[in-house]
C-alpha atoms as a PDB file:
ATOM      1  CA  MET A   1    -155.258  39.876-148.370  1.00  0.00           C
ATOM      2  CA  ALA A   2    -157.825  37.612-149.968  1.00  0.00           C
ATOM      3  CA  SER A   3    -160.801  36.752-147.841  1.00  0.00           C
ATOM      4  CA  ARG A   4    -162.041  33.197-147.698  1.00  0.00           C
ATOM      5  CA  THR A   5    -165.516  32.564-148.919  1.00  0.00           C
ATOM      6  CA  ARG A   6    -167.878  31.474-146.230  1.00  0.00           C
ATOM      7  CA  LEU A   7    -171.201  29.759-146.158  1.00  0.00           C
ATOM      8  CA  PRO A   8    -174.316  31.945-145.886  1.00  0.00           C
ATOM      9  CA  GLY A   9    -174.499  31.317-142.116  1.00  0.00           C
ATOM     10  CA  GLY A  10    -170.957  32.695-141.639  1.00  0.00           C
ATOM     11  CA  GLU A  11    -169.149  29.445-140.859  1.00  0.00           C
ATOM     12  CA  PRO A  12    -166.074  28.550-142.940  1.00  0.00           C
ATOM     13  CA  ARG A  13    -166.254  26.006-145.740  1.00  0.00           C
ATOM     14  CA  MET A  14    -164.946  22.469-145.357  1.00  0.00           C
ATOM     15  CA  ALA A  15    -161.699  21.564-147.118  1.00  0.00           C
ATOM     16  CA  SER A  16    -163.564  19.616-149.809  1.00  0.00           C
ATOM     17  CA  GLN A  17    -165.674  22.683-150.623  1.00  0.00           C
ATOM     18  CA  ARG A  18    -162.838  25.203-150.991  1.00  0.00           C
ATOM     19  CA  ARG A  19    -161.462  24.359-154.419  1.00  0.00           C
ATOM     20  CA  THR A  20    -164.656  23.904-156.379  1.00  0.00           C
ATOM     21  CA  ARG A  21    -165.327  25.453-159.765  1.00  0.00           C
ATOM     22  CA  ARG A  22    -168.564  26.940-160.930  1.00  0.00           C
ATOM     23  CA  ALA A  23    -170.491  25.056-163.572  1.00  0.00           C
ATOM     24  CA  GLY A  24    -170.114  26.355-167.128  1.00  0.00           C
ATOM     25  CA  THR A  25    -172.960  27.970-168.969  1.00  0.00           C
ATOM     26  CA  VAL A  26    -175.242  25.619-170.867  1.00  0.00           C
ATOM     27  CA  GLN A  27    -176.114  26.523-174.433  1.00  0.00           C
ATOM     28  CA  ALA A  28    -179.799  26.069-175.181  1.00  0.00           C
ATOM     29  CA  ARG A  29    -180.423  24.064-178.333  1.00  0.00           C
ATOM     30  CA  ILE A  30    -183.224  25.418-180.447  1.00  0.00           C
ATOM     31  CA  THR A  31    -184.846  23.032-182.865  1.00  0.00           C
ATOM     32  CA  PRO A  32    -186.775  24.407-185.819  1.00  0.00           C
ATOM     33  CA  SER A  33    -190.479  23.710-186.046  1.00  0.00           C
ATOM     34  CA  TRP A  34    -191.228  21.696-189.171  1.00  0.00           C
ATOM     35  CA  ARG A  35    -194.419  21.918-191.203  1.00  0.00           C
ATOM     36  CA  HIS A  36    -195.940  19.481-193.656  1.00  0.00           C
ATOM     37  CA  GLY A  37    -194.088  19.659-196.986  1.00  0.00           C
ATOM     38  CA  ASP A  38    -190.899  21.326-195.711  1.00  0.00           C
ATOM     39  CA  ARG A  39    -187.720  20.094-197.361  1.00  0.00           C
ATOM     40  CA  VAL A  40    -185.453  18.286-194.903  1.00  0.00           C
ATOM     41  CA  ARG A  41    -182.106  16.527-195.064  1.00  0.00           C
ATOM     42  CA  TRP A  42    -181.585  13.237-193.228  1.00  0.00           C
ATOM     43  CA  GLY A  43    -178.697  10.822-193.677  1.00  0.00           C
ATOM     44  CA  GLY A  44    -177.366  12.746-196.668  1.00  0.00           C
ATOM     45  CA  GLN A  45    -180.691  12.463-198.522  1.00  0.00           C
ATOM     46  CA  LEU A  46    -183.200  15.174-199.362  1.00  0.00           C
ATOM     47  CA  GLY A  47    -186.805  14.517-198.458  1.00  0.00           C
ATOM     48  CA  TYR A  48    -190.050  16.111-197.350  1.00  0.00           C
ATOM     49  CA  PHE A  49    -191.440  16.421-193.852  1.00  0.00           C
ATOM     50  CA  GLY A  50    -194.673  14.472-193.476  1.00  0.00           C
ATOM     51  CA  ARG A  51    -195.910  14.805-189.929  1.00  0.00           C
ATOM     52  CA  ASP A  52    -194.806  14.951-186.324  1.00  0.00           C
ATOM     53  CA  VAL A  53    -195.532  11.731-184.451  1.00  0.00           C
ATOM     54  CA  GLU A  54    -197.262  12.612-181.185  1.00  0.00           C
ATOM     55  CA  ASP A  55    -194.405  11.377-178.942  1.00  0.00           C
ATOM     56  CA  GLY A  56    -192.498  14.633-179.496  1.00  0.00           C
ATOM     57  CA  THR A  57    -189.233  13.023-180.613  1.00  0.00           C
ATOM     58  CA  HIS A  58    -190.026  11.352-183.952  1.00  0.00           C
ATOM     59  CA  ALA A  59    -191.360  12.436-187.330  1.00  0.00           C
ATOM     60  CA  GLU A  60    -192.312  10.860-190.636  1.00  0.00           C
ATOM     61  CA  ILE A  61    -190.380  12.003-193.676  1.00  0.00           C
ATOM     62  CA  ARG A  62    -190.733  10.992-197.309  1.00  0.00           C
ATOM     63  CA  ILE A  63    -187.651  10.303-199.420  1.00  0.00           C
ATOM     64  CA  GLY A  64    -188.576   9.221-202.896  1.00  0.00           C
ATOM     65  CA  ARG A  65    -191.473   6.774-202.561  1.00  0.00           C
ATOM     66  CA  ARG A  66    -190.534   5.620-199.048  1.00  0.00           C
ATOM     67  CA  LEU A  67    -191.685   6.804-195.626  1.00  0.00           C
ATOM     68  CA  TYR A  68    -189.176   6.883-192.783  1.00  0.00           C
ATOM     69  CA  LEU A  69    -189.740   7.326-189.047  1.00  0.00           C
ATOM     70  CA  VAL A  70    -186.777   9.373-187.808  1.00  0.00           C
ATOM     71  CA  ARG A  71    -185.759  11.427-184.792  1.00  0.00           C
ATOM     72  CA  ILE A  72    -186.573  15.111-185.169  1.00  0.00           C
ATOM     73  CA  ALA A  73    -183.149  16.028-183.734  1.00  0.00           C
ATOM     74  CA  ASP A  74    -181.471  14.284-186.720  1.00  0.00           C
ATOM     75  CA  LEU A  75    -183.279  16.429-189.321  1.00  0.00           C
ATOM     76  CA  LYS A  76    -181.591  19.382-190.993  1.00  0.00           C
ATOM     77  CA  PRO A  77    -183.075  22.050-193.252  1.00  0.00           C
ATOM     78  CA  GLY A  78    -182.906  21.080-196.895  1.00  0.00           C
END
């Protein structure tokens, strides 16, 4: 006979609490740390990492003779 789960104080759960599911595990996303001169790929183009802008989400990259301000999450290793 299956026992019903109870709250920590011993009282039974309400009907709305009985059929809940546990949250799934969250995968941590690890972003690589880029250094000046590293080759990066952004938007299908190869370029070079310039510097990390101090806001923590953007970086400057150089593709050809142009400088672009892009999100760090959009960069891939080149």
